[in-house]
Amino acid sequence: MSRTTPSLLANLITIFIGMLLIGLKTATGLNIESIIELLKGAFLALVIFHSIMFFIQYFFNLLTVLTIWFIPVVFPILLGLSIIIGLIIAIPQFIRSIYYTIKDRRQVRYDIAS
């Protein structure tokens, strides 16, 4: 596996997350700030994933170890952990942004009614 493969995978994940967020914005009508918060969580997950990958590449000679245990064991674990960490960061921010969006809409209705 060449050194660019993790970056290619991370870029594909980034494109997928970007498409997902565009769909979220279209479906939910959230404001741009909440979408940016979600992007921050996804970006942080990719940064964590990249740092773990480069740490392993630096301290272990990945080219000799890859075919034995890295691809079937460690790579899916690292990918899963980075996605989970990103979701742990992004989901509370997403819920908070939905809460404030609903709260703002209620305030607008209250202002119009009074």
PDB file of N, CA and C in Angstrom:
ATOM      1  N   MET A   1       0.858  -1.176   0.000  1.00  0.00           N
ATOM      2  CA  MET A   1       0.000   0.000   0.000  1.00  0.00           C
ATOM      3  C   MET A   1       0.896   1.228   0.000  1.00  0.00           C
ATOM      4  N   SER A   2       0.618   2.117  -0.912  1.00  0.00           N
ATOM      5  CA  SER A   2       1.446   3.306  -0.989  1.00  0.00           C
ATOM      6  C   SER A   2       1.035   4.310   0.086  1.00  0.00           C
ATOM      7  N   ARG A   3       1.849   5.317   0.215  1.00  0.00           N
ATOM      8  CA  ARG A   3       1.591   6.300   1.261  1.00  0.00           C
ATOM      9  C   ARG A   3       0.365   7.151   0.955  1.00  0.00           C
ATOM     10  N   THR A   4      -0.018   7.244  -0.301  1.00  0.00           N
ATOM     11  CA  THR A   4      -1.146   8.107  -0.644  1.00  0.00           C
ATOM     12  C   THR A   4      -2.496   7.430  -0.431  1.00  0.00           C
ATOM     13  N   THR A   5      -2.515   6.129  -0.235  1.00  0.00           N
ATOM     14  CA  THR A   5      -3.796   5.431  -0.122  1.00  0.00           C
ATOM     15  C   THR A   5      -4.632   5.898   1.063  1.00  0.00           C
ATOM     16  N   PRO A   6      -4.066   6.070   2.279  1.00  0.00           N
ATOM     17  CA  PRO A   6      -4.908   6.582   3.372  1.00  0.00           C
ATOM     18  C   PRO A   6      -5.469   7.966   3.059  1.00  0.00           C
ATOM     19  N   SER A   7      -4.664   8.803   2.383  1.00  0.00           N
ATOM     20  CA  SER A   7      -5.160  10.129   2.033  1.00  0.00           C
ATOM     21  C   SER A   7      -6.298  10.026   1.026  1.00  0.00           C
ATOM     22  N   LEU A   8      -6.170   9.106   0.079  1.00  0.00           N
ATOM     23  CA  LEU A   8      -7.239   8.917  -0.894  1.00  0.00           C
ATOM     24  C   LEU A   8      -8.515   8.459  -0.203  1.00  0.00           C
ATOM     25  N   LEU A   9      -8.370   7.524   0.720  1.00  0.00           N
ATOM     26  CA  LEU A   9      -9.535   7.043   1.456  1.00  0.00           C
ATOM     27  C   LEU A   9     -10.150   8.174   2.284  1.00  0.00           C
ATOM     28  N   ALA A  10      -9.301   8.951   2.937  1.00  0.00           N
ATOM     29  CA  ALA A  10      -9.806  10.062   3.747  1.00  0.00           C
ATOM     30  C   ALA A  10     -10.508  11.093   2.867  1.00  0.00           C
ATOM     31  N   ASN A  11      -9.977  11.336   1.672  1.00  0.00           N
ATOM     32  CA  ASN A  11     -10.628  12.287   0.772  1.00  0.00           C
ATOM     33  C   ASN A  11     -11.977  11.760   0.299  1.00  0.00           C
ATOM     34  N   LEU A  12     -12.058  10.466   0.037  1.00  0.00           N
ATOM     35  CA  LEU A  12     -13.343   9.889  -0.349  1.00  0.00           C
ATOM     36  C   LEU A  12     -14.351  10.001   0.788  1.00  0.00           C
ATOM     37  N   ILE A  13     -13.880   9.775   2.014  1.00  0.00           N
ATOM     38  CA  ILE A  13     -14.760   9.919   3.177  1.00  0.00           C
ATOM     39  C   ILE A  13     -15.208  11.376   3.306  1.00  0.00           C
ATOM     40  N   THR A  14     -14.280  12.308   3.058  1.00  0.00           N
ATOM     41  CA  THR A  14     -14.623  13.728   3.135  1.00  0.00           C
ATOM     42  C   THR A  14     -15.695  14.093   2.109  1.00  0.00           C
ATOM     43  N   ILE A  15     -15.542  13.582   0.889  1.00  0.00           N
ATOM     44  CA  ILE A  15     -16.543  13.856  -0.148  1.00  0.00           C
ATOM     45  C   ILE A  15     -17.891  13.289   0.267  1.00  0.00           C
ATOM     46  N   PHE A  16     -17.882  12.072   0.815  1.00  0.00           N
ATOM     47  CA  PHE A  16     -19.134  11.455   1.247  1.00  0.00           C
ATOM     48  C   PHE A  16     -19.790  12.276   2.352  1.00  0.00           C
ATOM     49  N   ILE A  17     -18.995  12.708   3.326  1.00  0.00           N
ATOM     50  CA  ILE A  17     -19.542  13.502   4.428  1.00  0.00           C
ATOM     51  C   ILE A  17     -20.059  14.836   3.903  1.00  0.00           C
ATOM     52  N   GLY A  18     -19.339  15.436   2.955  1.00  0.00           N
ATOM     53  CA  GLY A  18     -19.811  16.690   2.368  1.00  0.00           C
ATOM     54  C   GLY A  18     -21.147  16.531   1.663  1.00  0.00           C
ATOM     55  N   MET A  19     -21.283  15.441   0.905  1.00  0.00           N
ATOM     56  CA  MET A  19     -22.561  15.185   0.233  1.00  0.00           C
ATOM     57  C   MET A  19     -23.662  14.959   1.259  1.00  0.00           C
ATOM     58  N   LEU A  20     -23.330  14.253   2.338  1.00  0.00           N
ATOM     59  CA  LEU A  20     -24.307  14.008   3.393  1.00  0.00           C
ATOM     60  C   LEU A  20     -24.754  15.322   4.035  1.00  0.00           C
ATOM     61  N   LEU A  21     -23.800  16.222   4.268  1.00  0.00           N
ATOM     62  CA  LEU A  21     -24.140  17.497   4.894  1.00  0.00           C
ATOM     63  C   LEU A  21     -24.977  18.382   3.973  1.00  0.00           C
ATOM     64  N   ILE A  22     -24.680  18.346   2.674  1.00  0.00           N
ATOM     65  CA  ILE A  22     -25.502  19.116   1.735  1.00  0.00           C
ATOM     66  C   ILE A  22     -26.928  18.577   1.748  1.00  0.00           C
ATOM     67  N   GLY A  23     -27.053  17.251   1.805  1.00  0.00           N
ATOM     68  CA  GLY A  23     -28.382  16.654   1.904  1.00  0.00           C
ATOM     69  C   GLY A  23     -29.073  17.040   3.196  1.00  0.00           C
ATOM     70  N   LEU A  24     -28.306  17.084   4.299  1.00  0.00           N
ATOM     71  CA  LEU A  24     -28.875  17.501   5.585  1.00  0.00           C
ATOM     72  C   LEU A  24     -29.392  18.932   5.515  1.00  0.00           C
ATOM     73  N   LYS A  25     -28.602  19.812   4.910  1.00  0.00           N
ATOM     74  CA  LYS A  25     -29.026  21.211   4.819  1.00  0.00           C
ATOM     75  C   LYS A  25     -30.298  21.328   3.987  1.00  0.00           C
ATOM     76  N   THR A  26     -30.348  20.583   2.904  1.00  0.00           N
ATOM     77  CA  THR A  26     -31.534  20.642   2.050  1.00  0.00           C
ATOM     78  C   THR A  26     -32.749  20.063   2.759  1.00  0.00           C
ATOM     79  N   ALA A  27     -32.562  18.946   3.459  1.00  0.00           N
ATOM     80  CA  ALA A  27     -33.697  18.262   4.076  1.00  0.00           C
ATOM     81  C   ALA A  27     -34.205  18.989   5.319  1.00  0.00           C
ATOM     82  N   THR A  28     -33.290  19.536   6.124  1.00  0.00           N
ATOM     83  CA  THR A  28     -33.704  20.117   7.400  1.00  0.00           C
ATOM     84  C   THR A  28     -33.856  21.630   7.348  1.00  0.00           C
ATOM     85  N   GLY A  29     -33.240  22.282   6.371  1.00  0.00           N
ATOM     86  CA  GLY A  29     -33.317  23.736   6.295  1.00  0.00           C
ATOM     87  C   GLY A  29     -32.546  24.423   7.405  1.00  0.00           C
ATOM     88  N   LEU A  30     -31.497  23.768   7.911  1.00  0.00           N
ATOM     89  CA  LEU A  30     -30.709  24.367   8.991  1.00  0.00           C
ATOM     90  C   LEU A  30     -29.913  25.558   8.473  1.00  0.00           C
ATOM     91  N   ASN A  31     -29.551  26.420   9.394  1.00  0.00           N
ATOM     92  CA  ASN A  31     -28.738  27.557   9.006  1.00  0.00           C
ATOM     93  C   ASN A  31     -27.300  27.104   8.765  1.00  0.00           C
ATOM     94  N   ILE A  32     -26.523  27.978   8.139  1.00  0.00           N
ATOM     95  CA  ILE A  32     -25.179  27.604   7.715  1.00  0.00           C
ATOM     96  C   ILE A  32     -24.255  27.364   8.905  1.00  0.00           C
ATOM     97  N   GLU A  33     -24.520  28.019  10.047  1.00  0.00           N
ATOM     98  CA  GLU A  33     -23.650  27.843  11.213  1.00  0.00           C
ATOM     99  C   GLU A  33     -23.698  26.404  11.720  1.00  0.00           C
ATOM    100  N   SER A  34     -24.880  25.822  11.746  1.00  0.00           N
ATOM    101  CA  SER A  34     -24.984  24.448  12.230  1.00  0.00           C
ATOM    102  C   SER A  34     -24.321  23.478  11.264  1.00  0.00           C
ATOM    103  N   ILE A  35     -24.414  23.748   9.970  1.00  0.00           N
ATOM    104  CA  ILE A  35     -23.739  22.897   8.991  1.00  0.00           C
ATOM    105  C   ILE A  35     -22.227  23.026   9.159  1.00  0.00           C
ATOM    106  N   ILE A  36     -21.743  24.232   9.446  1.00  0.00           N
ATOM    107  CA  ILE A  36     -20.306  24.425   9.665  1.00  0.00           C
ATOM    108  C   ILE A  36     -19.856  23.660  10.906  1.00  0.00           C
ATOM    109  N   GLU A  37     -20.679  23.638  11.954  1.00  0.00           N
ATOM    110  CA  GLU A  37     -20.334  22.871  13.150  1.00  0.00           C
ATOM    111  C   GLU A  37     -20.207  21.384  12.825  1.00  0.00           C
ATOM    112  N   LEU A  38     -21.107  20.881  11.995  1.00  0.00           N
ATOM    113  CA  LEU A  38     -21.008  19.483  11.581  1.00  0.00           C
ATOM    114  C   LEU A  38     -19.735  19.242  10.778  1.00  0.00           C
ATOM    115  N   LEU A  39     -19.395  20.185   9.909  1.00  0.00           N
ATOM    116  CA  LEU A  39     -18.164  20.050   9.129  1.00  0.00           C
ATOM    117  C   LEU A  39     -16.935  20.046  10.029  1.00  0.00           C
ATOM    118  N   LYS A  40     -16.965  20.845  11.100  1.00  0.00           N
ATOM    119  CA  LYS A  40     -15.841  20.860  12.040  1.00  0.00           C
ATOM    120  C   LYS A  40     -15.641  19.487  12.667  1.00  0.00           C
ATOM    121  N   GLY A  41     -16.740  18.861  13.074  1.00  0.00           N
ATOM    122  CA  GLY A  41     -16.636  17.524  13.653  1.00  0.00           C
ATOM    123  C   GLY A  41     -16.101  16.514  12.662  1.00  0.00           C
ATOM    124  N   ALA A  42     -16.567  16.574  11.422  1.00  0.00           N
ATOM    125  CA  ALA A  42     -16.085  15.648  10.397  1.00  0.00           C
ATOM    126  C   ALA A  42     -14.614  15.905  10.089  1.00  0.00           C
ATOM    127  N   PHE A  43     -14.219  17.177  10.026  1.00  0.00           N
ATOM    128  CA  PHE A  43     -12.824  17.508   9.754  1.00  0.00           C
ATOM    129  C   PHE A  43     -11.927  17.033  10.889  1.00  0.00           C
ATOM    130  N   LEU A  44     -12.377  17.189  12.125  1.00  0.00           N
ATOM    131  CA  LEU A  44     -11.590  16.726  13.258  1.00  0.00           C
ATOM    132  C   LEU A  44     -11.408  15.215  13.217  1.00  0.00           C
ATOM    133  N   ALA A  45     -12.440  14.494  12.803  1.00  0.00           N
ATOM    134  CA  ALA A  45     -12.319  13.044  12.665  1.00  0.00           C
ATOM    135  C   ALA A  45     -11.263  12.688  11.627  1.00  0.00           C
ATOM    136  N   LEU A  46     -11.228  13.414  10.524  1.00  0.00           N
ATOM    137  CA  LEU A  46     -10.220  13.142   9.501  1.00  0.00           C
ATOM    138  C   LEU A  46      -8.820  13.493   9.987  1.00  0.00           C
ATOM    139  N   VAL A  47      -8.687  14.578  10.736  1.00  0.00           N
ATOM    140  CA  VAL A  47      -7.377  14.946  11.275  1.00  0.00           C
ATOM    141  C   VAL A  47      -6.876  13.866  12.229  1.00  0.00           C
ATOM    142  N   ILE A  48      -7.754  13.366  13.087  1.00  0.00           N
ATOM    143  CA  ILE A  48      -7.375  12.299  14.014  1.00  0.00           C
ATOM    144  C   ILE A  48      -6.971  11.056  13.239  1.00  0.00           C
ATOM    145  N   PHE A  49      -7.748  10.708  12.216  1.00  0.00           N
ATOM    146  CA  PHE A  49      -7.449   9.531  11.406  1.00  0.00           C
ATOM    147  C   PHE A  49      -6.091   9.676  10.728  1.00  0.00           C
ATOM    148  N   HIS A  50      -5.817  10.852  10.144  1.00  0.00           N
ATOM    149  CA  HIS A  50      -4.540  11.072   9.475  1.00  0.00           C
ATOM    150  C   HIS A  50      -3.381  11.014  10.461  1.00  0.00           C
ATOM    151  N   SER A  51      -3.531  11.619  11.636  1.00  0.00           N
ATOM    152  CA  SER A  51      -2.420  11.607  12.583  1.00  0.00           C
ATOM    153  C   SER A  51      -2.110  10.202  13.063  1.00  0.00           C
ATOM    154  N   ILE A  52      -3.139   9.403  13.287  1.00  0.00           N
ATOM    155  CA  ILE A  52      -2.897   8.015  13.689  1.00  0.00           C
ATOM    156  C   ILE A  52      -2.195   7.259  12.568  1.00  0.00           C
ATOM    157  N   MET A  53      -2.626   7.487  11.336  1.00  0.00           N
ATOM    158  CA  MET A  53      -2.003   6.801  10.198  1.00  0.00           C
ATOM    159  C   MET A  53      -0.525   7.178  10.068  1.00  0.00           C
ATOM    160  N   PHE A  54      -0.204   8.457  10.157  1.00  0.00           N
ATOM    161  CA  PHE A  54       1.183   8.872   9.997  1.00  0.00           C
ATOM    162  C   PHE A  54       2.038   8.432  11.183  1.00  0.00           C
ATOM    163  N   PHE A  55       1.447   8.367  12.374  1.00  0.00           N
ATOM    164  CA  PHE A  55       2.175   7.853  13.529  1.00  0.00           C
ATOM    165  C   PHE A  55       2.577   6.404  13.292  1.00  0.00           C
ATOM    166  N   ILE A  56       1.647   5.605  12.805  1.00  0.00           N
ATOM    167  CA  ILE A  56       1.945   4.198  12.541  1.00  0.00           C
ATOM    168  C   ILE A  56       2.957   4.073  11.407  1.00  0.00           C
ATOM    169  N   GLN A  57       2.827   4.892  10.373  1.00  0.00           N
ATOM    170  CA  GLN A  57       3.776   4.834   9.265  1.00  0.00           C
ATOM    171  C   GLN A  57       5.181   5.220   9.714  1.00  0.00           C
ATOM    172  N   TYR A  58       5.281   6.130  10.643  1.00  0.00           N
ATOM    173  CA  TYR A  58       6.598   6.576  11.086  1.00  0.00           C
ATOM    174  C   TYR A  58       7.282   5.538  11.965  1.00  0.00           C
ATOM    175  N   PHE A  59       6.576   4.952  12.917  1.00  0.00           N
ATOM    176  CA  PHE A  59       7.212   4.064  13.882  1.00  0.00           C
ATOM    177  C   PHE A  59       7.272   2.608  13.439  1.00  0.00           C
ATOM    178  N   PHE A  60       6.472   2.204  12.495  1.00  0.00           N
ATOM    179  CA  PHE A  60       6.527   0.834  11.989  1.00  0.00           C
ATOM    180  C   PHE A  60       6.750   0.896  10.495  1.00  0.00           C
ATOM    181  N   ASN A  61       7.487  -0.015   9.988  1.00  0.00           N
ATOM    182  CA  ASN A  61       7.653  -0.067   8.545  1.00  0.00           C
ATOM    183  C   ASN A  61       6.398  -0.699   7.977  1.00  0.00           C
ATOM    184  N   LEU A  62       5.495   0.146   7.541  1.00  0.00           N
ATOM    185  CA  LEU A  62       4.162  -0.300   7.155  1.00  0.00           C
ATOM    186  C   LEU A  62       4.170  -1.212   5.943  1.00  0.00           C
ATOM    187  N   LEU A  63       5.113  -1.034   5.063  1.00  0.00           N
ATOM    188  CA  LEU A  63       5.106  -1.839   3.843  1.00  0.00           C
ATOM    189  C   LEU A  63       5.297  -3.325   4.130  1.00  0.00           C
ATOM    190  N   THR A  64       6.037  -3.665   5.170  1.00  0.00           N
ATOM    191  CA  THR A  64       6.237  -5.082   5.480  1.00  0.00           C
ATOM    192  C   THR A  64       5.140  -5.633   6.375  1.00  0.00           C
ATOM    193  N   VAL A  65       4.535  -4.782   7.181  1.00  0.00           N
ATOM    194  CA  VAL A  65       3.551  -5.249   8.149  1.00  0.00           C
ATOM    195  C   VAL A  65       2.130  -5.236   7.579  1.00  0.00           C
ATOM    196  N   LEU A  66       1.911  -4.403   6.559  1.00  0.00           N
ATOM    197  CA  LEU A  66       0.557  -4.198   6.035  1.00  0.00           C
ATOM    198  C   LEU A  66      -0.163  -5.478   5.653  1.00  0.00           C
ATOM    199  N   THR A  67       0.493  -6.312   4.891  1.00  0.00           N
ATOM    200  CA  THR A  67      -0.206  -7.482   4.357  1.00  0.00           C
ATOM    201  C   THR A  67      -0.525  -8.500   5.437  1.00  0.00           C
ATOM    202  N   ILE A  68       0.164  -8.443   6.571  1.00  0.00           N
ATOM    203  CA  ILE A  68      -0.046  -9.451   7.610  1.00  0.00           C
ATOM    204  C   ILE A  68      -1.215  -9.083   8.517  1.00  0.00           C
ATOM    205  N   TRP A  69      -1.182  -7.884   9.104  1.00  0.00           N
ATOM    206  CA  TRP A  69      -2.199  -7.582  10.113  1.00  0.00           C
ATOM    207  C   TRP A  69      -2.813  -6.200  10.001  1.00  0.00           C
ATOM    208  N   PHE A  70      -2.199  -5.288   9.268  1.00  0.00           N
ATOM    209  CA  PHE A  70      -2.710  -3.919   9.306  1.00  0.00           C
ATOM    210  C   PHE A  70      -4.023  -3.769   8.551  1.00  0.00           C
ATOM    211  N   ILE A  71      -4.068  -4.248   7.301  1.00  0.00           N
ATOM    212  CA  ILE A  71      -5.279  -4.057   6.489  1.00  0.00           C
ATOM    213  C   ILE A  71      -6.484  -4.773   7.091  1.00  0.00           C
ATOM    214  N   PRO A  72      -6.376  -6.045   7.485  1.00  0.00           N
ATOM    215  CA  PRO A  72      -7.594  -6.694   8.000  1.00  0.00           C
ATOM    216  C   PRO A  72      -7.952  -6.329   9.438  1.00  0.00           C
ATOM    217  N   VAL A  73      -6.990  -5.833  10.235  1.00  0.00           N
ATOM    218  CA  VAL A  73      -7.266  -5.638  11.661  1.00  0.00           C
ATOM    219  C   VAL A  73      -7.242  -4.166  12.062  1.00  0.00           C
ATOM    220  N   VAL A  74      -6.107  -3.519  11.918  1.00  0.00           N
ATOM    221  CA  VAL A  74      -5.920  -2.186  12.495  1.00  0.00           C
ATOM    222  C   VAL A  74      -6.613  -1.099  11.670  1.00  0.00           C
ATOM    223  N   PHE A  75      -6.529  -1.184  10.364  1.00  0.00           N
ATOM    224  CA  PHE A  75      -7.103  -0.137   9.522  1.00  0.00           C
ATOM    225  C   PHE A  75      -8.604   0.046   9.754  1.00  0.00           C
ATOM    226  N   PRO A  76      -9.403  -1.024   9.774  1.00  0.00           N
ATOM    227  CA  PRO A  76     -10.833  -0.818  10.068  1.00  0.00           C
ATOM    228  C   PRO A  76     -11.088  -0.275  11.474  1.00  0.00           C
ATOM    229  N   ILE A  77     -10.257  -0.687  12.435  1.00  0.00           N
ATOM    230  CA  ILE A  77     -10.426  -0.189  13.806  1.00  0.00           C
ATOM    231  C   ILE A  77     -10.152   1.316  13.853  1.00  0.00           C
ATOM    232  N   LEU A  78      -9.057   1.751  13.218  1.00  0.00           N
ATOM    233  CA  LEU A  78      -8.722   3.179  13.215  1.00  0.00           C
ATOM    234  C   LEU A  78      -9.782   3.995  12.483  1.00  0.00           C
ATOM    235  N   LEU A  79     -10.247   3.478  11.378  1.00  0.00           N
ATOM    236  CA  LEU A  79     -11.282   4.184  10.633  1.00  0.00           C
ATOM    237  C   LEU A  79     -12.563   4.292  11.457  1.00  0.00           C
ATOM    238  N   GLY A  80     -12.953   3.198  12.095  1.00  0.00           N
ATOM    239  CA  GLY A  80     -14.150   3.215  12.935  1.00  0.00           C
ATOM    240  C   GLY A  80     -14.008   4.164  14.111  1.00  0.00           C
ATOM    241  N   LEU A  81     -12.839   4.149  14.757  1.00  0.00           N
ATOM    242  CA  LEU A  81     -12.622   5.051  15.895  1.00  0.00           C
ATOM    243  C   LEU A  81     -12.683   6.514  15.468  1.00  0.00           C
ATOM    244  N   SER A  82     -12.070   6.836  14.332  1.00  0.00           N
ATOM    245  CA  SER A  82     -12.087   8.234  13.896  1.00  0.00           C
ATOM    246  C   SER A  82     -13.502   8.683  13.543  1.00  0.00           C
ATOM    247  N   ILE A  83     -14.286   7.800  12.936  1.00  0.00           N
ATOM    248  CA  ILE A  83     -15.675   8.155  12.623  1.00  0.00           C
ATOM    249  C   ILE A  83     -16.481   8.320  13.908  1.00  0.00           C
ATOM    250  N   ILE A  84     -16.280   7.420  14.880  1.00  0.00           N
ATOM    251  CA  ILE A  84     -17.009   7.508  16.151  1.00  0.00           C
ATOM    252  C   ILE A  84     -16.654   8.795  16.888  1.00  0.00           C
ATOM    253  N   ILE A  85     -15.356   9.138  16.917  1.00  0.00           N
ATOM    254  CA  ILE A  85     -14.934  10.369  17.593  1.00  0.00           C
ATOM    255  C   ILE A  85     -15.554  11.584  16.903  1.00  0.00           C
ATOM    256  N   GLY A  86     -15.555  11.575  15.575  1.00  0.00           N
ATOM    257  CA  GLY A  86     -16.179  12.679  14.843  1.00  0.00           C
ATOM    258  C   GLY A  86     -17.660  12.801  15.135  1.00  0.00           C
ATOM    259  N   LEU A  87     -18.345  11.661  15.228  1.00  0.00           N
ATOM    260  CA  LEU A  87     -19.778  11.694  15.534  1.00  0.00           C
ATOM    261  C   LEU A  87     -20.030  12.163  16.963  1.00  0.00           C
ATOM    262  N   ILE A  88     -19.167  11.738  17.896  1.00  0.00           N
ATOM    263  CA  ILE A  88     -19.321  12.179  19.287  1.00  0.00           C
ATOM    264  C   ILE A  88     -19.194  13.699  19.369  1.00  0.00           C
ATOM    265  N   ILE A  89     -18.334  14.256  18.539  1.00  0.00           N
ATOM    266  CA  ILE A  89     -18.159  15.707  18.539  1.00  0.00           C
ATOM    267  C   ILE A  89     -19.294  16.391  17.776  1.00  0.00           C
ATOM    268  N   ALA A  90     -19.712  15.815  16.647  1.00  0.00           N
ATOM    269  CA  ALA A  90     -20.653  16.507  15.761  1.00  0.00           C
ATOM    270  C   ALA A  90     -22.101  16.402  16.215  1.00  0.00           C
ATOM    271  N   ILE A  91     -22.511  15.260  16.768  1.00  0.00           N
ATOM    272  CA  ILE A  91     -23.933  15.058  17.085  1.00  0.00           C
ATOM    273  C   ILE A  91     -24.441  16.041  18.147  1.00  0.00           C
ATOM    274  N   PRO A  92     -23.732  16.265  19.270  1.00  0.00           N
ATOM    275  CA  PRO A  92     -24.250  17.257  20.227  1.00  0.00           C
ATOM    276  C   PRO A  92     -24.350  18.664  19.626  1.00  0.00           C
ATOM    277  N   GLN A  93     -23.388  19.026  18.784  1.00  0.00           N
ATOM    278  CA  GLN A  93     -23.451  20.337  18.143  1.00  0.00           C
ATOM    279  C   GLN A  93     -24.632  20.403  17.184  1.00  0.00           C
ATOM    280  N   PHE A  94     -24.899  19.310  16.497  1.00  0.00           N
ATOM    281  CA  PHE A  94     -26.032  19.245  15.572  1.00  0.00           C
ATOM    282  C   PHE A  94     -27.345  19.390  16.334  1.00  0.00           C
ATOM    283  N   ILE A  95     -27.475  18.668  17.454  1.00  0.00           N
ATOM    284  CA  ILE A  95     -28.694  18.747  18.267  1.00  0.00           C
ATOM    285  C   ILE A  95     -28.854  20.158  18.829  1.00  0.00           C
ATOM    286  N   ARG A  96     -27.748  20.740  19.288  1.00  0.00           N
ATOM    287  CA  ARG A  96     -27.798  22.096  19.828  1.00  0.00           C
ATOM    288  C   ARG A  96     -28.245  23.091  18.750  1.00  0.00           C
ATOM    289  N   SER A  97     -27.735  22.926  17.538  1.00  0.00           N
ATOM    290  CA  SER A  97     -28.117  23.859  16.475  1.00  0.00           C
ATOM    291  C   SER A  97     -29.586  23.702  16.109  1.00  0.00           C
ATOM    292  N   ILE A  98     -30.100  22.471  16.109  1.00  0.00           N
ATOM    293  CA  ILE A  98     -31.531  22.268  15.849  1.00  0.00           C
ATOM    294  C   ILE A  98     -32.357  22.922  16.956  1.00  0.00           C
ATOM    295  N   TYR A  99     -31.919  22.761  18.218  1.00  0.00           N
ATOM    296  CA  TYR A  99     -32.634  23.356  19.349  1.00  0.00           C
ATOM    297  C   TYR A  99     -32.711  24.872  19.199  1.00  0.00           C
ATOM    298  N   TYR A 100     -31.567  25.503  18.885  1.00  0.00           N
ATOM    299  CA  TYR A 100     -31.577  26.959  18.769  1.00  0.00           C
ATOM    300  C   TYR A 100     -32.336  27.424  17.532  1.00  0.00           C
ATOM    301  N   THR A 101     -32.333  26.623  16.468  1.00  0.00           N
ATOM    302  CA  THR A 101     -33.129  26.978  15.291  1.00  0.00           C
ATOM    303  C   THR A 101     -34.609  26.981  15.635  1.00  0.00           C
ATOM    304  N   ILE A 102     -35.069  25.945  16.333  1.00  0.00           N
ATOM    305  CA  ILE A 102     -36.476  25.873  16.747  1.00  0.00           C
ATOM    306  C   ILE A 102     -36.801  27.006  17.715  1.00  0.00           C
ATOM    307  N   LYS A 103     -35.881  27.271  18.651  1.00  0.00           N
ATOM    308  CA  LYS A 103     -36.101  28.336  19.627  1.00  0.00           C
ATOM    309  C   LYS A 103     -36.212  29.695  18.929  1.00  0.00           C
ATOM    310  N   ASP A 104     -35.348  29.931  17.927  1.00  0.00           N
ATOM    311  CA  ASP A 104     -35.412  31.195  17.184  1.00  0.00           C
ATOM    312  C   ASP A 104     -36.721  31.318  16.423  1.00  0.00           C
ATOM    313  N   ARG A 105     -37.191  30.229  15.830  1.00  0.00           N
ATOM    314  CA  ARG A 105     -38.454  30.284  15.086  1.00  0.00           C
ATOM    315  C   ARG A 105     -39.620  30.560  16.022  1.00  0.00           C
ATOM    316  N   ARG A 106     -39.590  29.979  17.227  1.00  0.00           N
ATOM    317  CA  ARG A 106     -40.652  30.263  18.205  1.00  0.00           C
ATOM    318  C   ARG A 106     -40.624  31.732  18.613  1.00  0.00           C
ATOM    319  N   GLN A 107     -39.424  32.281  18.781  1.00  0.00           N
ATOM    320  CA  GLN A 107     -39.296  33.683  19.167  1.00  0.00           C
ATOM    321  C   GLN A 107     -39.859  34.583  18.075  1.00  0.00           C
ATOM    322  N   VAL A 108     -39.603  34.229  16.821  1.00  0.00           N
ATOM    323  CA  VAL A 108     -40.136  35.025  15.713  1.00  0.00           C
ATOM    324  C   VAL A 108     -41.660  34.971  15.724  1.00  0.00           C
ATOM    325  N   ARG A 109     -42.232  33.781  15.958  1.00  0.00           N
ATOM    326  CA  ARG A 109     -43.695  33.659  16.028  1.00  0.00           C
ATOM    327  C   ARG A 109     -44.249  34.503  17.181  1.00  0.00           C
ATOM    328  N   TYR A 110     -43.553  34.494  18.317  1.00  0.00           N
ATOM    329  CA  TYR A 110     -43.994  35.270  19.477  1.00  0.00           C
ATOM    330  C   TYR A 110     -43.949  36.764  19.160  1.00  0.00           C
ATOM    331  N   ASP A 111     -42.879  37.191  18.492  1.00  0.00           N
ATOM    332  CA  ASP A 111     -42.755  38.605  18.140  1.00  0.00           C
ATOM    333  C   ASP A 111     -43.844  39.032  17.164  1.00  0.00           C
ATOM    334  N   ILE A 112     -44.163  38.166  16.217  1.00  0.00           N
ATOM    335  CA  ILE A 112     -45.209  38.494  15.246  1.00  0.00           C
ATOM    336  C   ILE A 112     -46.567  38.559  15.931  1.00  0.00           C
ATOM    337  N   ALA A 113     -46.810  37.625  16.867  1.00  0.00           N
ATOM    338  CA  ALA A 113     -48.102  37.580  17.558  1.00  0.00           C
ATOM    339  C   ALA A 113     -48.305  38.795  18.457  1.00  0.00           C
ATOM    340  N   SER A 114     -47.227  39.326  19.016  1.00  0.00           N
ATOM    341  CA  SER A 114     -47.374  40.451  19.947  1.00  0.00           C
ATOM    342  C   SER A 114     -47.198  41.750  19.214  1.00  0.00           C
TER     343      SER A 114
END
